PDB file of N, CA and C in Angstrom:
ATOM      1  N   MET A   1       0.836  -1.176   0.000  1.00  0.00           N
ATOM      2  CA  MET A   1       0.000   0.000   0.000  1.00  0.00           C
ATOM      3  C   MET A   1       0.885   1.246   0.000  1.00  0.00           C
ATOM      4  N   LYS A   2       0.526   2.224  -0.786  1.00  0.00           N
ATOM      5  CA  LYS A   2       1.271   3.462  -0.933  1.00  0.00           C
ATOM      6  C   LYS A   2       1.193   4.297   0.348  1.00  0.00           C
ATOM      7  N   ARG A   3       2.310   4.862   0.718  1.00  0.00           N
ATOM      8  CA  ARG A   3       2.358   5.749   1.874  1.00  0.00           C
ATOM      9  C   ARG A   3       1.695   7.080   1.528  1.00  0.00           C
ATOM     10  N   LEU A   4       0.910   7.594   2.463  1.00  0.00           N
ATOM     11  CA  LEU A   4       0.265   8.893   2.296  1.00  0.00           C
ATOM     12  C   LEU A   4       0.901   9.899   3.241  1.00  0.00           C
ATOM     13  N   PHE A   5       0.902  11.163   2.839  1.00  0.00           N
ATOM     14  CA  PHE A   5       1.355  12.234   3.716  1.00  0.00           C
ATOM     15  C   PHE A   5       0.189  12.666   4.596  1.00  0.00           C
ATOM     16  N   ILE A   6       0.502  13.159   5.785  1.00  0.00           N
ATOM     17  CA  ILE A   6      -0.536  13.577   6.721  1.00  0.00           C
ATOM     18  C   ILE A   6      -1.413  14.668   6.121  1.00  0.00           C
ATOM     19  N   LYS A   7      -0.827  15.571   5.337  1.00  0.00           N
ATOM     20  CA  LYS A   7      -1.647  16.626   4.730  1.00  0.00           C
ATOM     21  C   LYS A   7      -2.712  16.042   3.800  1.00  0.00           C
ATOM     22  N   GLU A   8      -2.422  14.905   3.154  1.00  0.00           N
ATOM     23  CA  GLU A   8      -3.410  14.227   2.301  1.00  0.00           C
ATOM     24  C   GLU A   8      -4.482  13.544   3.156  1.00  0.00           C
ATOM     25  N   VAL A   9      -4.032  12.915   4.227  1.00  0.00           N
ATOM     26  CA  VAL A   9      -4.929  12.172   5.111  1.00  0.00           C
ATOM     27  C   VAL A   9      -5.962  13.098   5.742  1.00  0.00           C
ATOM     28  N   LEU A  10      -5.532  14.282   6.144  1.00  0.00           N
ATOM     29  CA  LEU A  10      -6.420  15.209   6.844  1.00  0.00           C
ATOM     30  C   LEU A  10      -7.485  15.837   5.949  1.00  0.00           C
ATOM     31  N   THR A  11      -7.435  15.584   4.649  1.00  0.00           N
ATOM     32  CA  THR A  11      -8.496  16.067   3.760  1.00  0.00           C
ATOM     33  C   THR A  11      -9.776  15.252   3.949  1.00  0.00           C
ATOM     34  N   GLY A  12      -9.650  14.052   4.532  1.00  0.00           N
ATOM     35  CA  GLY A  12     -10.817  13.200   4.758  1.00  0.00           C
ATOM     36  C   GLY A  12     -11.135  12.287   3.590  1.00  0.00           C
ATOM     37  N   LYS A  13     -10.388  12.429   2.521  1.00  0.00           N
ATOM     38  CA  LYS A  13     -10.629  11.650   1.303  1.00  0.00           C
ATOM     39  C   LYS A  13     -10.477  10.133   1.529  1.00  0.00           C
ATOM     40  N   TYR A  14      -9.721   9.766   2.543  1.00  0.00           N
ATOM     41  CA  TYR A  14      -9.433   8.344   2.783  1.00  0.00           C
ATOM     42  C   TYR A  14     -10.185   7.773   3.988  1.00  0.00           C
ATOM     43  N   GLU A  15     -11.179   8.499   4.484  1.00  0.00           N
ATOM     44  CA  GLU A  15     -11.932   8.036   5.649  1.00  0.00           C
ATOM     45  C   GLU A  15     -12.548   6.658   5.379  1.00  0.00           C
ATOM     46  N   GLY A  16     -12.387   5.754   6.356  1.00  0.00           N
ATOM     47  CA  GLY A  16     -12.922   4.404   6.243  1.00  0.00           C
ATOM     48  C   GLY A  16     -12.019   3.437   5.491  1.00  0.00           C
ATOM     49  N   GLN A  17     -10.904   3.926   4.990  1.00  0.00           N
ATOM     50  CA  GLN A  17      -9.983   3.083   4.220  1.00  0.00           C
ATOM     51  C   GLN A  17      -8.744   2.734   5.034  1.00  0.00           C
ATOM     52  N   GLN A  18      -8.114   1.623   4.664  1.00  0.00           N
ATOM     53  CA  GLN A  18      -6.840   1.276   5.272  1.00  0.00           C
ATOM     54  C   GLN A  18      -5.762   2.090   4.567  1.00  0.00           C
ATOM     55  N   ILE A  19      -4.937   2.767   5.365  1.00  0.00           N
ATOM     56  CA  ILE A  19      -3.880   3.609   4.806  1.00  0.00           C
ATOM     57  C   ILE A  19      -2.565   3.354   5.525  1.00  0.00           C
ATOM     58  N   THR A  20      -1.492   3.863   4.949  1.00  0.00           N
ATOM     59  CA  THR A  20      -0.164   3.798   5.537  1.00  0.00           C
ATOM     60  C   THR A  20       0.371   5.211   5.669  1.00  0.00           C
ATOM     61  N   VAL A  21       0.857   5.558   6.865  1.00  0.00           N
ATOM     62  CA  VAL A  21       1.505   6.848   7.102  1.00  0.00           C
ATOM     63  C   VAL A  21       2.806   6.610   7.864  1.00  0.00           C
ATOM     64  N   CYS A  22       3.779   7.457   7.586  1.00  0.00           N
ATOM     65  CA  CYS A  22       5.076   7.371   8.249  1.00  0.00           C
ATOM     66  C   CYS A  22       5.427   8.744   8.811  1.00  0.00           C
ATOM     67  N   GLY A  23       6.233   8.755   9.850  1.00  0.00           N
ATOM     68  CA  GLY A  23       6.657  10.026  10.426  1.00  0.00           C
ATOM     69  C   GLY A  23       7.354   9.810  11.752  1.00  0.00           C
ATOM     70  N   TRP A  24       7.353  10.884  12.547  1.00  0.00           N
ATOM     71  CA  TRP A  24       8.037  10.877  13.827  1.00  0.00           C
ATOM     72  C   TRP A  24       7.027  11.043  14.951  1.00  0.00           C
ATOM     73  N   VAL A  25       7.233  10.294  16.017  1.00  0.00           N
ATOM     74  CA  VAL A  25       6.344  10.347  17.173  1.00  0.00           C
ATOM     75  C   VAL A  25       6.612  11.645  17.926  1.00  0.00           C
ATOM     76  N   ARG A  26       5.548  12.409  18.150  1.00  0.00           N
ATOM     77  CA  ARG A  26       5.662  13.642  18.946  1.00  0.00           C
ATOM     78  C   ARG A  26       5.333  13.373  20.409  1.00  0.00           C
ATOM     79  N   THR A  27       4.256  12.595  20.635  1.00  0.00           N
ATOM     80  CA  THR A  27       3.862  12.266  22.004  1.00  0.00           C
ATOM     81  C   THR A  27       3.314  10.844  22.044  1.00  0.00           C
ATOM     82  N   LYS A  28       3.346  10.274  23.258  1.00  0.00           N
ATOM     83  CA  LYS A  28       2.757   8.940  23.470  1.00  0.00           C
ATOM     84  C   LYS A  28       2.151   8.912  24.861  1.00  0.00           C
ATOM     85  N   ARG A  29       0.927   8.364  24.946  1.00  0.00           N
ATOM     86  CA  ARG A  29       0.333   8.112  26.254  1.00  0.00           C
ATOM     87  C   ARG A  29      -0.487   6.834  26.172  1.00  0.00           C
ATOM     88  N   GLU A  30      -0.526   6.139  27.298  1.00  0.00           N
ATOM     89  CA  GLU A  30      -1.260   4.883  27.361  1.00  0.00           C
ATOM     90  C   GLU A  30      -2.298   4.975  28.472  1.00  0.00           C
ATOM     91  N   SER A  31      -3.502   4.454  28.181  1.00  0.00           N
ATOM     92  CA  SER A  31      -4.590   4.556  29.138  1.00  0.00           C
ATOM     93  C   SER A  31      -5.651   3.498  28.874  1.00  0.00           C
ATOM     94  N   LYS A  32      -5.986   2.726  29.886  1.00  0.00           N
ATOM     95  CA  LYS A  32      -7.107   1.783  29.846  1.00  0.00           C
ATOM     96  C   LYS A  32      -7.175   0.926  28.583  1.00  0.00           C
ATOM     97  N   GLY A  33      -6.099   0.224  28.279  1.00  0.00           N
ATOM     98  CA  GLY A  33      -6.114  -0.689  27.136  1.00  0.00           C
ATOM     99  C   GLY A  33      -5.965  -0.027  25.783  1.00  0.00           C
ATOM    100  N   LEU A  34      -5.675   1.275  25.770  1.00  0.00           N
ATOM    101  CA  LEU A  34      -5.438   2.000  24.521  1.00  0.00           C
ATOM    102  C   LEU A  34      -4.132   2.767  24.631  1.00  0.00           C
ATOM    103  N   ALA A  35      -3.513   3.001  23.500  1.00  0.00           N
ATOM    104  CA  ALA A  35      -2.357   3.890  23.450  1.00  0.00           C
ATOM    105  C   ALA A  35      -2.642   4.951  22.402  1.00  0.00           C
ATOM    106  N   PHE A  36      -2.163   6.149  22.661  1.00  0.00           N
ATOM    107  CA  PHE A  36      -2.355   7.269  21.756  1.00  0.00           C
ATOM    108  C   PHE A  36      -0.991   7.839  21.390  1.00  0.00           C
ATOM    109  N   LEU A  37      -0.727   7.912  20.101  1.00  0.00           N
ATOM    110  CA  LEU A  37       0.510   8.510  19.609  1.00  0.00           C
ATOM    111  C   LEU A  37       0.134   9.696  18.738  1.00  0.00           C
ATOM    112  N   THR A  38       0.947  10.732  18.774  1.00  0.00           N
ATOM    113  CA  THR A  38       0.778  11.858  17.870  1.00  0.00           C
ATOM    114  C   THR A  38       1.905  11.767  16.858  1.00  0.00           C
ATOM    115  N   LEU A  39       1.543  11.771  15.577  1.00  0.00           N
ATOM    116  CA  LEU A  39       2.517  11.583  14.503  1.00  0.00           C
ATOM    117  C   LEU A  39       2.621  12.840  13.644  1.00  0.00           C
ATOM    118  N   SER A  40       3.866  13.193  13.298  1.00  0.00           N
ATOM    119  CA  SER A  40       4.135  14.325  12.418  1.00  0.00           C
ATOM    120  C   SER A  40       5.049  13.843  11.299  1.00  0.00           C
ATOM    121  N   ASP A  41       4.812  14.327  10.075  1.00  0.00           N
ATOM    122  CA  ASP A  41       5.703  13.932   8.969  1.00  0.00           C
ATOM    123  C   ASP A  41       6.296  15.130   8.230  1.00  0.00           C
ATOM    124  N   GLY A  42       6.010  16.333   8.709  1.00  0.00           N
ATOM    125  CA  GLY A  42       6.564  17.524   8.088  1.00  0.00           C
ATOM    126  C   GLY A  42       5.782  18.035   6.890  1.00  0.00           C
ATOM    127  N   SER A  43       4.747  17.334   6.473  1.00  0.00           N
ATOM    128  CA  SER A  43       3.974  17.753   5.300  1.00  0.00           C
ATOM    129  C   SER A  43       2.931  18.808   5.652  1.00  0.00           C
ATOM    130  N   ALA A  44       2.638  18.946   6.946  1.00  0.00           N
ATOM    131  CA  ALA A  44       1.625  19.899   7.397  1.00  0.00           C
ATOM    132  C   ALA A  44       1.949  20.326   8.821  1.00  0.00           C
ATOM    133  N   GLN A  45       1.410  21.460   9.230  1.00  0.00           N
ATOM    134  CA  GLN A  45       1.563  21.907  10.616  1.00  0.00           C
ATOM    135  C   GLN A  45       0.818  20.969  11.558  1.00  0.00           C
ATOM    136  N   ASP A  46      -0.306  20.441  11.085  1.00  0.00           N
ATOM    137  CA  ASP A  46      -1.123  19.562  11.905  1.00  0.00           C
ATOM    138  C   ASP A  46      -0.488  18.180  12.031  1.00  0.00           C
ATOM    139  N   THR A  47      -0.900  17.472  13.065  1.00  0.00           N
ATOM    140  CA  THR A  47      -0.427  16.109  13.307  1.00  0.00           C
ATOM    141  C   THR A  47      -1.606  15.156  13.168  1.00  0.00           C
ATOM    142  N   LEU A  48      -1.303  13.866  13.190  1.00  0.00           N
ATOM    143  CA  LEU A  48      -2.337  12.840  13.120  1.00  0.00           C
ATOM    144  C   LEU A  48      -2.284  12.018  14.394  1.00  0.00           C
ATOM    145  N   GLN A  49      -3.440  11.843  15.026  1.00  0.00           N
ATOM    146  CA  GLN A  49      -3.498  10.994  16.214  1.00  0.00           C
ATOM    147  C   GLN A  49      -3.620   9.541  15.783  1.00  0.00           C
ATOM    148  N   LEU A  50      -2.800   8.697  16.394  1.00  0.00           N
ATOM    149  CA  LEU A  50      -2.856   7.255  16.170  1.00  0.00           C
ATOM    150  C   LEU A  50      -3.437   6.622  17.428  1.00  0.00           C
ATOM    151  N   VAL A  51      -4.400   5.743  17.248  1.00  0.00           N
ATOM    152  CA  VAL A  51      -5.014   5.028  18.366  1.00  0.00           C
ATOM    153  C   VAL A  51      -4.649   3.553  18.207  1.00  0.00           C
ATOM    154  N   VAL A  52      -4.009   3.010  19.235  1.00  0.00           N
ATOM    155  CA  VAL A  52      -3.587   1.608  19.197  1.00  0.00           C
ATOM    156  C   VAL A  52      -4.410   0.836  20.222  1.00  0.00           C
ATOM    157  N   PRO A  53      -5.389   0.044  19.754  1.00  0.00           N
ATOM    158  CA  PRO A  53      -6.197  -0.765  20.681  1.00  0.00           C
ATOM    159  C   PRO A  53      -5.340  -1.828  21.370  1.00  0.00           C
ATOM    160  N   GLY A  54      -5.689  -2.158  22.594  1.00  0.00           N
ATOM    161  CA  GLY A  54      -4.932  -3.134  23.367  1.00  0.00           C
ATOM    162  C   GLY A  54      -4.836  -4.502  22.722  1.00  0.00           C
ATOM    163  N   GLU A  55      -5.828  -4.864  21.906  1.00  0.00           N
ATOM    164  CA  GLU A  55      -5.825  -6.192  21.262  1.00  0.00           C
ATOM    165  C   GLU A  55      -5.038  -6.215  19.952  1.00  0.00           C
ATOM    166  N   SER A  56      -4.567  -5.069  19.505  1.00  0.00           N
ATOM    167  CA  SER A  56      -3.814  -4.992  18.246  1.00  0.00           C
ATOM    168  C   SER A  56      -2.401  -5.563  18.434  1.00  0.00           C
ATOM    169  N   SER A  57      -1.896  -6.231  17.420  1.00  0.00           N
ATOM    170  CA  SER A  57      -0.518  -6.749  17.480  1.00  0.00           C
ATOM    171  C   SER A  57       0.501  -5.612  17.513  1.00  0.00           C
ATOM    172  N   ALA A  58       0.080  -4.408  17.135  1.00  0.00           N
ATOM    173  CA  ALA A  58       0.967  -3.240  17.150  1.00  0.00           C
ATOM    174  C   ALA A  58       1.408  -2.868  18.566  1.00  0.00           C
ATOM    175  N   VAL A  59       0.671  -3.320  19.575  1.00  0.00           N
ATOM    176  CA  VAL A  59       1.005  -3.021  20.972  1.00  0.00           C
ATOM    177  C   VAL A  59       2.421  -3.502  21.305  1.00  0.00           C
ATOM    178  N   GLN A  60       2.852  -4.567  20.676  1.00  0.00           N
ATOM    179  CA  GLN A  60       4.176  -5.128  20.946  1.00  0.00           C
ATOM    180  C   GLN A  60       5.307  -4.175  20.583  1.00  0.00           C
ATOM    181  N   GLU A  61       5.052  -3.202  19.723  1.00  0.00           N
ATOM    182  CA  GLU A  61       6.088  -2.249  19.310  1.00  0.00           C
ATOM    183  C   GLU A  61       6.033  -0.936  20.079  1.00  0.00           C
ATOM    184  N   LEU A  62       5.045  -0.751  20.936  1.00  0.00           N
ATOM    185  CA  LEU A  62       4.880   0.527  21.629  1.00  0.00           C
ATOM    186  C   LEU A  62       6.076   0.919  22.490  1.00  0.00           C
ATOM    187  N   TYR A  63       6.735  -0.043  23.107  1.00  0.00           N
ATOM    188  CA  TYR A  63       7.869   0.279  23.972  1.00  0.00           C
ATOM    189  C   TYR A  63       8.996   0.958  23.190  1.00  0.00           C
ATOM    190  N   ARG A  64       9.013   0.795  21.875  1.00  0.00           N
ATOM    191  CA  ARG A  64      10.039   1.398  21.016  1.00  0.00           C
ATOM    192  C   ARG A  64       9.597   2.746  20.452  1.00  0.00           C
ATOM    193  N   CYS A  65       8.358   3.140  20.693  1.00  0.00           N
ATOM    194  CA  CYS A  65       7.776   4.346  20.085  1.00  0.00           C
ATOM    195  C   CYS A  65       7.825   5.544  21.023  1.00  0.00           C
ATOM    196  N   ASN A  66       9.010   5.934  21.430  1.00  0.00           N
ATOM    197  CA  ASN A  66       9.168   7.110  22.275  1.00  0.00           C
ATOM    198  C   ASN A  66       9.189   8.364  21.412  1.00  0.00           C
ATOM    199  N   THR A  67       9.092   9.520  22.050  1.00  0.00           N
ATOM    200  CA  THR A  67       9.145  10.792  21.332  1.00  0.00           C
ATOM    201  C   THR A  67      10.403  10.849  20.472  1.00  0.00           C
ATOM    202  N   GLY A  68      10.205  11.150  19.187  1.00  0.00           N
ATOM    203  CA  GLY A  68      11.321  11.240  18.249  1.00  0.00           C
ATOM    204  C   GLY A  68      11.554   9.995  17.422  1.00  0.00           C
ATOM    205  N   ALA A  69      10.923   8.882  17.774  1.00  0.00           N
ATOM    206  CA  ALA A  69      11.094   7.641  17.011  1.00  0.00           C
ATOM    207  C   ALA A  69      10.476   7.787  15.618  1.00  0.00           C
ATOM    208  N   ALA A  70      11.143   7.203  14.626  1.00  0.00           N
ATOM    209  CA  ALA A  70      10.621   7.200  13.254  1.00  0.00           C
ATOM    210  C   ALA A  70       9.861   5.899  13.054  1.00  0.00           C
ATOM    211  N   ILE A  71       8.574   6.031  12.661  1.00  0.00           N
ATOM    212  CA  ILE A  71       7.724   4.853  12.520  1.00  0.00           C
ATOM    213  C   ILE A  71       6.907   4.909  11.228  1.00  0.00           C
ATOM    214  N   CYS A  72       6.411   3.733  10.842  1.00  0.00           N
ATOM    215  CA  CYS A  72       5.472   3.612   9.739  1.00  0.00           C
ATOM    216  C   CYS A  72       4.297   2.797  10.270  1.00  0.00           C
ATOM    217  N   THR A  73       3.082   3.277  10.030  1.00  0.00           N
ATOM    218  CA  THR A  73       1.907   2.611  10.573  1.00  0.00           C
ATOM    219  C   THR A  73       0.874   2.343   9.486  1.00  0.00           C
ATOM    220  N   LYS A  74       0.104   1.289   9.707  1.00  0.00           N
ATOM    221  CA  LYS A  74      -1.034   0.969   8.849  1.00  0.00           C
ATOM    222  C   LYS A  74      -2.266   0.889   9.735  1.00  0.00           C
ATOM    223  N   GLY A  75      -3.389   1.303   9.174  1.00  0.00           N
ATOM    224  CA  GLY A  75      -4.629   1.226   9.928  1.00  0.00           C
ATOM    225  C   GLY A  75      -5.777   1.845   9.161  1.00  0.00           C
ATOM    226  N   ILE A  76      -6.909   1.915   9.827  1.00  0.00           N
ATOM    227  CA  ILE A  76      -8.139   2.462   9.238  1.00  0.00           C
ATOM    228  C   ILE A  76      -8.322   3.905   9.710  1.00  0.00           C
ATOM    229  N   LEU A  77      -8.507   4.810   8.760  1.00  0.00           N
ATOM    230  CA  LEU A  77      -8.752   6.210   9.087  1.00  0.00           C
ATOM    231  C   LEU A  77     -10.215   6.382   9.481  1.00  0.00           C
ATOM    232  N   LYS A  78     -10.427   6.973  10.664  1.00  0.00           N
ATOM    233  CA  LYS A  78     -11.786   7.158  11.183  1.00  0.00           C
ATOM    234  C   LYS A  78     -11.987   8.596  11.625  1.00  0.00           C
ATOM    235  N   GLU A  79     -13.239   9.017  11.645  1.00  0.00           N
ATOM    236  CA  GLU A  79     -13.556  10.322  12.208  1.00  0.00           C
ATOM    237  C   GLU A  79     -13.325  10.235  13.710  1.00  0.00           C
ATOM    238  N   SER A  80     -12.697  11.241  14.263  1.00  0.00           N
ATOM    239  CA  SER A  80     -12.360  11.231  15.679  1.00  0.00           C
ATOM    240  C   SER A  80     -13.515  11.747  16.530  1.00  0.00           C
ATOM    241  N   PRO A  81     -13.781  11.090  17.663  1.00  0.00           N
ATOM    242  CA  PRO A  81     -14.817  11.597  18.565  1.00  0.00           C
ATOM    243  C   PRO A  81     -14.323  12.789  19.392  1.00  0.00           C
ATOM    244  N   ALA A  82     -13.012  13.015  19.416  1.00  0.00           N
ATOM    245  CA  ALA A  82     -12.439  14.120  20.192  1.00  0.00           C
ATOM    246  C   ALA A  82     -12.559  15.435  19.441  1.00  0.00           C
ATOM    247  N   LYS A  83     -12.606  16.523  20.181  1.00  0.00           N
ATOM    248  CA  LYS A  83     -12.741  17.841  19.571  1.00  0.00           C
ATOM    249  C   LYS A  83     -11.430  18.363  18.999  1.00  0.00           C
ATOM    250  N   GLU A  84     -10.305  17.854  19.490  1.00  0.00           N
ATOM    251  CA  GLU A  84      -9.002  18.380  19.099  1.00  0.00           C
ATOM    252  C   GLU A  84      -8.621  18.069  17.651  1.00  0.00           C
ATOM    253  N   GLN A  85      -9.147  16.982  17.108  1.00  0.00           N
ATOM    254  CA  GLN A  85      -8.801  16.613  15.730  1.00  0.00           C
ATOM    255  C   GLN A  85     -10.017  16.029  15.028  1.00  0.00           C
ATOM    256  N   LYS A  86     -10.012  16.125  13.720  1.00  0.00           N
ATOM    257  CA  LYS A  86     -11.145  15.629  12.939  1.00  0.00           C
ATOM    258  C   LYS A  86     -11.021  14.135  12.650  1.00  0.00           C
ATOM    259  N   TYR A  87      -9.781  13.662  12.412  1.00  0.00           N
ATOM    260  CA  TYR A  87      -9.560  12.258  12.056  1.00  0.00           C
ATOM    261  C   TYR A  87      -8.509  11.635  12.962  1.00  0.00           C
ATOM    262  N   GLU A  88      -8.584  10.311  13.062  1.00  0.00           N
ATOM    263  CA  GLU A  88      -7.568   9.547  13.771  1.00  0.00           C
ATOM    264  C   GLU A  88      -7.380   8.220  13.049  1.00  0.00           C
ATOM    265  N   LEU A  89      -6.230   7.625  13.257  1.00  0.00           N
ATOM    266  CA  LEU A  89      -5.915   6.356  12.604  1.00  0.00           C
ATOM    267  C   LEU A  89      -5.958   5.245  13.641  1.00  0.00           C
ATOM    268  N   GLU A  90      -6.848   4.265  13.430  1.00  0.00           N
ATOM    269  CA  GLU A  90      -6.887   3.092  14.302  1.00  0.00           C
ATOM    270  C   GLU A  90      -5.847   2.115  13.770  1.00  0.00           C
ATOM    271  N   VAL A  91      -4.770   1.975  14.498  1.00  0.00           N
ATOM    272  CA  VAL A  91      -3.569   1.281  14.033  1.00  0.00           C
ATOM    273  C   VAL A  91      -3.687  -0.235  14.161  1.00  0.00           C
ATOM    274  N   SER A  92      -3.276  -0.931  13.093  1.00  0.00           N
ATOM    275  CA  SER A  92      -3.208  -2.387  13.130  1.00  0.00           C
ATOM    276  C   SER A  92      -1.760  -2.879  13.068  1.00  0.00           C
ATOM    277  N   GLU A  93      -0.858  -2.061  12.508  1.00  0.00           N
ATOM    278  CA  GLU A  93       0.561  -2.434  12.401  1.00  0.00           C
ATOM    279  C   GLU A  93       1.451  -1.227  12.631  1.00  0.00           C
ATOM    280  N   ILE A  94       2.574  -1.462  13.319  1.00  0.00           N
ATOM    281  CA  ILE A  94       3.604  -0.436  13.490  1.00  0.00           C
ATOM    282  C   ILE A  94       4.947  -1.046  13.135  1.00  0.00           C
ATOM    283  N   ALA A  95       5.707  -0.341  12.301  1.00  0.00           N
ATOM    284  CA  ALA A  95       7.100  -0.709  12.019  1.00  0.00           C
ATOM    285  C   ALA A  95       7.957   0.449  12.503  1.00  0.00           C
ATOM    286  N   VAL A  96       8.945   0.149  13.351  1.00  0.00           N
ATOM    287  CA  VAL A  96       9.835   1.181  13.874  1.00  0.00           C
ATOM    288  C   VAL A  96      11.088   1.207  13.006  1.00  0.00           C
ATOM    289  N   PHE A  97      11.319   2.369  12.381  1.00  0.00           N
ATOM    290  CA  PHE A  97      12.495   2.535  11.519  1.00  0.00           C
ATOM    291  C   PHE A  97      13.707   2.991  12.328  1.00  0.00           C
ATOM    292  N   GLY A  98      13.457   3.797  13.346  1.00  0.00           N
ATOM    293  CA  GLY A  98      14.552   4.315  14.168  1.00  0.00           C
ATOM    294  C   GLY A  98      14.033   4.704  15.535  1.00  0.00           C
ATOM    295  N   GLU A  99      14.670   4.180  16.567  1.00  0.00           N
ATOM    296  CA  GLU A  99      14.255   4.482  17.932  1.00  0.00           C
ATOM    297  C   GLU A  99      14.892   5.793  18.408  1.00  0.00           C
ATOM    298  N   ALA A 100      14.295   6.378  19.418  1.00  0.00           N
ATOM    299  CA  ALA A 100      14.830   7.572  20.056  1.00  0.00           C
ATOM    300  C   ALA A 100      14.879   7.285  21.555  1.00  0.00           C
ATOM    301  N   ASP A 101      16.067   7.139  22.073  1.00  0.00           N
ATOM    302  CA  ASP A 101      16.253   6.802  23.490  1.00  0.00           C
ATOM    303  C   ASP A 101      15.970   8.038  24.345  1.00  0.00           C
ATOM    304  N   PRO A 102      14.953   7.990  25.221  1.00  0.00           N
ATOM    305  CA  PRO A 102      14.620   9.163  26.024  1.00  0.00           C
ATOM    306  C   PRO A 102      15.697   9.514  27.051  1.00  0.00           C
ATOM    307  N   GLU A 103      16.576   8.587  27.346  1.00  0.00           N
ATOM    308  CA  GLU A 103      17.655   8.843  28.303  1.00  0.00           C
ATOM    309  C   GLU A 103      18.804   9.621  27.679  1.00  0.00           C
ATOM    310  N   LYS A 104      18.850   9.672  26.347  1.00  0.00           N
ATOM    311  CA  LYS A 104      19.954  10.360  25.666  1.00  0.00           C
ATOM    312  C   LYS A 104      19.431  11.587  25.060  1.00  0.00           C
TER     313      LYS A 104
END
């Protein structure tokens, strides 16, 4: 599947479809069986929220997804229930291209 830029994704043209996006992790938080990552790829000022359900196999890669890590993700683009963003990606796969050690 072809990689899309975040600026393309945020147009909503791909809502309901499986897409691939790559970029750098800006933030990560985990809560109640879900993880939330904020992804930036430099194509737009805006970022894309990634939602990783606890049952997804992508959870196994979360420990490597610290701020600054370079990742590529696949998932379904959905309308977000949160007010902060219009769309979010429900992640099914994460590939880590480069880790960022928070201790360094």
